Amino acid sequence: MSPGDGNDDDLYGGTGQTRTRLPDGGQGDVYGGAARRPARSSSRSLITVVGVVVLLIAAIAFANRGGSSSDDGAAKKPDTSPTAPTGTKPVTSGFAHDKQGAQSAAANYAVALGSAEMFDKNRRHAIVDSVYAPDVAADRQASLDKVYAQEAFLSSIGLNSDGSAPSGSKFVSRIIPVGTKTMKFGSDSATVDIWYSSLFGLAGTNTKNPVSESWFTNTYELRWVGGDWKVTDFQQKDGPVPVGRDQRASTADDMAKAVEQYGGFTYAR
């Protein structure tokens, strides 16, 4: 099963999605209070939100990685070719066995692994089986199941014990790739960096965990297996983080509608 196949569309953010190439180049309650908005009445609430986001990132990154890995070629100069459209038509099935295909695979896999579907056991298993190499998928599956099954973890991010959102709120977990670059490339392996923004939280009038934006860079280790690129490991770091603009936060209703009406993208070079 490959993400380029039409049968895999549901693995990447649900219905209403559009396959695209990477680009070149209200008023009322603010659903619990968002970053860069008027300060909360208590600093304790802000500390709680920050702690929740840190916990989520650390837990999921640890579970997905299954341990750290060294990269002897980290000091080598990366391939800095831009992620603008190349003129080559996007793949329609699987990913091409070249640098462009590896970058496209990394972007698609990041979207899947960062989606809200990962909080549903059946959907998570399908995603992991599709994204990871067969020899590491089982171990990653077990690690992720342990993380997502922890009631304390789910409660800390405002979800019910089954991973669902409380009544009257909409759970948002979405990754938006900004760009990719190939760090290393071989005949059957590749290391790809993907820079992205992440939306995470609950859109609801009474939530203590409002939808917030974060910025990260993931480094994916990929292997060519069975005619497609598959993940074997990844690492995550913060940033680069742009300067935020002073924009009015949308209401909980507007945020929930946006998530429902705007399907997530799948990406191809």
Protein backbone atom coordinates (compact mmCIF):
# COMPACT_ATOMS: atom_id res chain seq x y z
CA MET A 1 0.00 0.00 0.00
CA SER A 2 1.43 3.35 -0.99
CA PRO A 3 0.20 6.86 -0.23
CA GLY A 4 0.15 7.76 -3.88
CA ASP A 5 -2.49 5.08 -4.52
CA GLY A 6 -6.05 6.31 -4.62
CA ASN A 7 -7.01 3.67 -2.05
CA ASP A 8 -4.75 5.31 0.50
CA ASP A 9 -6.32 8.76 0.38
CA ASP A 10 -7.94 8.32 3.81
CA LEU A 11 -4.53 7.88 5.43
CA TYR A 12 -3.67 11.51 4.83
CA GLY A 13 -6.18 13.71 6.60
CA GLY A 14 -9.57 12.32 5.50
CA THR A 15 -11.91 13.44 2.75
CA GLY A 16 -11.79 16.54 0.62
CA GLN A 17 -8.07 16.41 0.02
CA THR A 18 -6.18 17.72 -2.95
CA ARG A 19 -2.92 16.37 -4.31
CA THR A 20 -0.61 19.26 -5.09
CA ARG A 21 2.96 20.17 -5.67
CA LEU A 22 4.85 22.06 -3.02
CA PRO A 23 4.64 25.84 -3.57
CA ASP A 24 7.51 27.94 -4.86
CA GLY A 25 8.17 30.51 -3.17
CA GLY A 26 -14.12 37.64 14.09
CA GLN A 27 -14.73 38.48 17.19
CA GLY A 28 -15.93 36.68 20.30
CA ASP A 29 -14.36 33.95 22.40
CA VAL A 30 -10.95 32.86 21.12
CA TYR A 31 -11.58 29.19 21.97
CA GLY A 32 -9.88 29.26 25.31
CA GLY A 33 -7.23 31.83 24.47
CA ALA A 34 -4.58 31.58 21.75
CA ALA A 35 -0.93 32.54 21.60
CA ARG A 36 -0.14 36.18 20.84
CA ARG A 37 -3.59 37.27 22.05
CA PRO A 38 -4.65 39.24 25.15
CA ALA A 39 -3.14 37.59 28.23
CA ARG A 40 -5.10 35.13 30.35
CA SER A 41 -6.24 36.07 33.81
CA SER A 42 -3.86 33.52 35.28
CA SER A 43 -0.33 32.60 34.23
CA ARG A 44 -1.04 29.08 35.42
CA SER A 45 -3.27 28.44 32.39
CA LEU A 46 -0.50 29.50 30.00
CA ILE A 47 2.01 27.25 31.75
CA THR A 48 -0.46 24.35 31.47
CA VAL A 49 -0.89 24.84 27.72
CA VAL A 50 2.86 25.03 27.11
CA GLY A 51 3.42 21.93 29.20
CA VAL A 52 0.77 20.01 27.27
CA VAL A 53 2.34 20.82 23.90
CA VAL A 54 5.81 19.85 25.13
CA LEU A 55 4.45 16.57 26.50
CA LEU A 56 2.75 15.72 23.23
CA ILE A 57 5.78 16.41 21.07
CA ALA A 58 8.15 14.52 23.35
CA ALA A 59 5.89 11.48 23.73
CA ILE A 60 5.02 11.05 20.07
CA ALA A 61 8.54 11.78 18.84
CA PHE A 62 9.97 9.22 21.27
CA ALA A 63 7.43 6.58 20.28
CA ASN A 64 7.92 7.11 16.54
CA ARG A 65 11.69 7.12 16.78
CA GLY A 66 12.03 4.06 18.95
CA GLY A 67 15.45 5.31 20.04
CA SER A 68 18.07 7.64 18.64
CA SER A 69 20.34 7.04 15.71
CA SER A 70 23.68 8.53 14.75
CA ASP A 71 24.39 10.21 11.44
CA ASP A 72 28.04 10.17 10.47
CA GLY A 73 27.29 12.31 7.46
CA ALA A 74 25.57 15.11 9.36
CA ALA A 75 28.44 17.52 8.70
CA LYS A 76 28.27 17.01 4.94
CA LYS A 77 26.82 19.83 2.87
CA PRO A 78 23.16 19.02 2.08
CA ASP A 79 21.51 19.07 -1.29
CA THR A 80 20.04 22.58 -1.32
CA SER A 81 17.91 22.30 -4.43
CA PRO A 82 14.68 24.28 -3.92
CA THR A 83 11.34 22.63 -3.22
CA ALA A 84 9.66 24.63 -5.98
CA PRO A 85 7.80 22.69 -8.70
CA THR A 86 10.33 21.04 -11.01
CA GLY A 87 8.17 20.60 -14.07
CA THR A 88 8.12 16.84 -13.51
CA LYS A 89 4.57 15.57 -13.12
CA PRO A 90 3.69 14.31 -9.60
CA VAL A 91 3.61 10.56 -9.12
CA THR A 92 0.20 8.89 -9.19
CA SER A 93 1.23 5.61 -7.58
CA GLY A 94 4.03 5.15 -5.06
CA PHE A 95 7.04 7.47 -5.03
CA ALA A 96 9.78 7.82 -7.62
CA HIS A 97 13.13 6.13 -6.94
CA ASP A 98 15.04 9.42 -6.87
CA LYS A 99 15.63 12.48 -4.68
CA GLN A 100 12.35 14.05 -5.71
CA GLY A 101 10.45 10.91 -4.80
CA ALA A 102 12.16 10.66 -1.42
CA GLN A 103 11.25 14.27 -0.59
CA SER A 104 7.65 13.71 -1.62
CA ALA A 105 7.49 10.55 0.50
CA ALA A 106 8.87 12.33 3.57
CA ALA A 107 6.32 15.16 3.23
CA ASN A 108 3.39 12.77 2.86
CA TYR A 109 4.53 10.59 5.74
CA ALA A 110 4.94 13.60 8.04
CA VAL A 111 1.36 14.63 7.27
CA ALA A 112 0.09 11.14 8.08
CA LEU A 113 2.10 10.67 11.28
CA GLY A 114 1.05 14.09 12.57
CA SER A 115 -2.66 13.68 11.83
CA ALA A 116 -5.58 13.35 14.23
CA GLU A 117 -6.16 9.87 12.79
CA MET A 118 -3.13 8.69 14.77
CA PHE A 119 -5.28 8.92 17.91
CA ASP A 120 -7.63 6.23 16.56
CA LYS A 121 -6.15 2.75 17.03
CA ASN A 122 -7.35 1.22 13.76
CA ARG A 123 -6.37 4.24 11.67
CA ARG A 124 -3.00 4.44 13.45
CA HIS A 125 -2.21 0.81 12.67
CA ALA A 126 -3.05 1.36 8.99
CA ILE A 127 -0.87 4.47 8.81
CA VAL A 128 2.13 2.86 10.52
CA ASP A 129 1.92 -0.25 8.31
CA SER A 130 1.87 1.98 5.22
CA VAL A 131 4.58 4.42 6.29
CA TYR A 132 7.24 2.35 8.05
CA ALA A 133 9.50 -0.32 6.59
CA PRO A 134 8.17 -3.83 7.34
CA ASP A 135 11.08 -4.76 9.61
CA VAL A 136 10.48 -1.80 11.95
CA ALA A 137 6.70 -1.34 11.68
CA ALA A 138 5.82 -3.88 14.40
CA ASP A 139 8.12 -2.28 16.97
CA ARG A 140 6.85 1.21 16.14
CA GLN A 141 3.28 -0.05 16.37
CA ALA A 142 3.84 -1.36 19.88
CA SER A 143 5.58 1.82 21.03
CA LEU A 144 2.86 4.06 19.66
CA ASP A 145 0.08 1.94 21.14
CA LYS A 146 1.62 2.36 24.58
CA VAL A 147 1.75 6.15 24.23
CA TYR A 148 -1.73 6.65 22.80
CA ALA A 149 -3.32 4.24 25.30
CA GLN A 150 -2.17 6.22 28.34
CA GLU A 151 -5.24 7.81 29.85
CA ALA A 152 -3.14 10.40 31.67
CA PHE A 153 -1.52 11.43 28.39
CA LEU A 154 -4.86 11.75 26.58
CA SER A 155 -6.38 13.63 29.49
CA SER A 156 -3.47 16.08 29.57
CA ILE A 157 -4.24 17.17 26.01
CA GLY A 158 -7.97 17.36 26.67
CA LEU A 159 -9.12 14.11 25.01
CA ASN A 160 -11.34 11.32 26.30
CA SER A 161 -9.84 7.97 27.29
CA ASP A 162 -10.66 6.55 23.83
CA GLY A 163 -8.82 9.39 22.07
CA SER A 164 -11.97 11.23 21.01
CA ALA A 165 -12.67 14.92 21.57
CA PRO A 166 -15.07 15.99 24.34
CA SER A 167 -18.61 16.87 23.30
CA GLY A 168 -18.83 20.35 21.83
CA SER A 169 -15.20 20.51 20.72
CA LYS A 170 -13.18 19.59 17.64
CA PHE A 171 -9.74 17.97 17.94
CA VAL A 172 -7.14 19.43 15.58
CA SER A 173 -3.80 17.81 14.77
CA ARG A 174 -2.41 18.74 11.37
CA ILE A 175 1.03 19.19 9.82
CA ILE A 176 1.56 21.68 7.00
CA PRO A 177 4.86 21.09 5.14
CA VAL A 178 6.70 24.25 4.11
CA GLY A 179 9.67 22.68 2.35
CA THR A 180 11.99 19.69 2.08
CA LYS A 181 15.64 19.05 1.28
CA THR A 182 17.72 15.95 0.69
CA MET A 183 20.53 15.60 3.21
CA LYS A 184 21.91 12.29 1.88
CA PHE A 185 20.94 10.05 -0.99
CA GLY A 186 21.99 6.57 -2.08
CA SER A 187 20.60 3.93 -4.40
CA ASP A 188 18.41 2.41 -1.68
CA SER A 189 18.47 4.94 1.16
CA ALA A 190 17.87 8.63 1.73
CA THR A 191 17.88 11.19 4.53
CA VAL A 192 15.36 13.98 4.07
CA ASP A 193 14.63 17.09 6.17
CA ILE A 194 11.13 18.51 6.21
CA TRP A 195 10.32 21.91 7.69
CA TYR A 196 6.70 22.34 8.72
CA SER A 197 4.18 24.15 10.89
CA SER A 198 1.86 22.19 13.15
CA LEU A 199 -1.66 22.96 14.36
CA PHE A 200 -2.65 21.18 17.55
CA GLY A 201 -5.36 21.52 20.18
CA LEU A 202 -9.10 21.61 20.74
CA ALA A 203 -11.48 24.04 19.07
CA GLY A 204 -14.18 24.55 21.69
CA THR A 205 -15.63 27.36 23.77
CA ASN A 206 -14.63 25.83 27.12
CA THR A 207 -11.34 24.16 26.24
CA LYS A 208 -8.17 24.77 28.22
CA ASN A 209 -6.07 23.52 25.28
CA PRO A 210 -6.82 25.86 22.35
CA VAL A 211 -5.50 25.22 18.86
CA SER A 212 -1.97 26.60 18.68
CA GLU A 213 0.76 26.76 16.05
CA SER A 214 4.27 25.34 16.38
CA TRP A 215 7.24 24.98 14.00
CA PHE A 216 9.54 21.98 13.66
CA THR A 217 12.01 20.25 11.37
CA ASN A 218 11.93 16.45 11.09
CA THR A 219 14.76 14.38 9.65
CA TYR A 220 13.51 11.15 8.10
CA GLU A 221 15.65 8.12 7.39
CA LEU A 222 14.14 6.38 4.36
CA ARG A 223 14.83 3.02 2.72
CA TRP A 224 13.76 1.79 -0.70
CA VAL A 225 11.66 -1.31 0.08
CA GLY A 226 9.37 -3.23 -2.26
CA GLY A 227 9.39 -0.51 -4.88
CA ASP A 228 8.67 2.41 -2.55
CA TRP A 229 10.27 4.67 0.06
CA LYS A 230 9.58 3.69 3.69
CA VAL A 231 10.54 5.26 7.02
CA THR A 232 13.08 3.50 9.24
CA ASP A 233 13.67 6.28 11.80
CA PHE A 234 13.29 10.00 12.36
CA GLN A 235 14.46 12.82 14.58
CA GLN A 236 12.79 16.12 15.43
CA LYS A 237 13.98 19.58 16.41
CA ASP A 238 12.32 22.94 16.98
CA GLY A 239 12.14 25.63 14.31
CA PRO A 240 13.02 27.57 12.32
CA VAL A 241 10.26 29.73 13.83
CA PRO A 242 9.07 32.88 12.01
CA VAL A 243 7.99 36.06 13.79
CA GLY A 244 4.26 35.91 14.48
CA ARG A 245 1.88 38.63 13.31
CA ASP A 246 -0.60 40.33 15.61
CA GLN A 247 -3.79 38.88 14.13
CA ARG A 248 -7.11 38.44 15.90
CA ALA A 249 -7.75 34.81 16.84
CA SER A 250 -10.80 33.18 15.26
CA THR A 251 -13.71 31.94 17.32
CA ALA A 252 -14.02 28.28 18.29
CA ASP A 253 -16.82 27.83 15.76
CA ASP A 254 -14.80 29.34 12.91
CA MET A 255 -11.78 27.18 13.75
CA ALA A 256 -13.82 23.98 13.89
CA LYS A 257 -15.54 24.78 10.59
CA ALA A 258 -12.20 25.51 8.90
CA VAL A 259 -10.78 22.15 9.95
CA GLU A 260 -13.88 20.32 8.72
CA GLN A 261 -14.24 22.21 5.44
CA TYR A 262 -10.59 22.46 4.35
CA GLY A 263 -9.16 19.01 3.70
CA GLY A 264 -5.48 18.41 4.37
CA PHE A 265 -3.07 18.23 1.43
CA THR A 266 -0.96 15.39 0.19
CA TYR A 267 2.28 16.60 -1.34
CA ALA A 268 4.28 15.71 -4.43
CA ARG A 269 7.28 17.34 -6.11
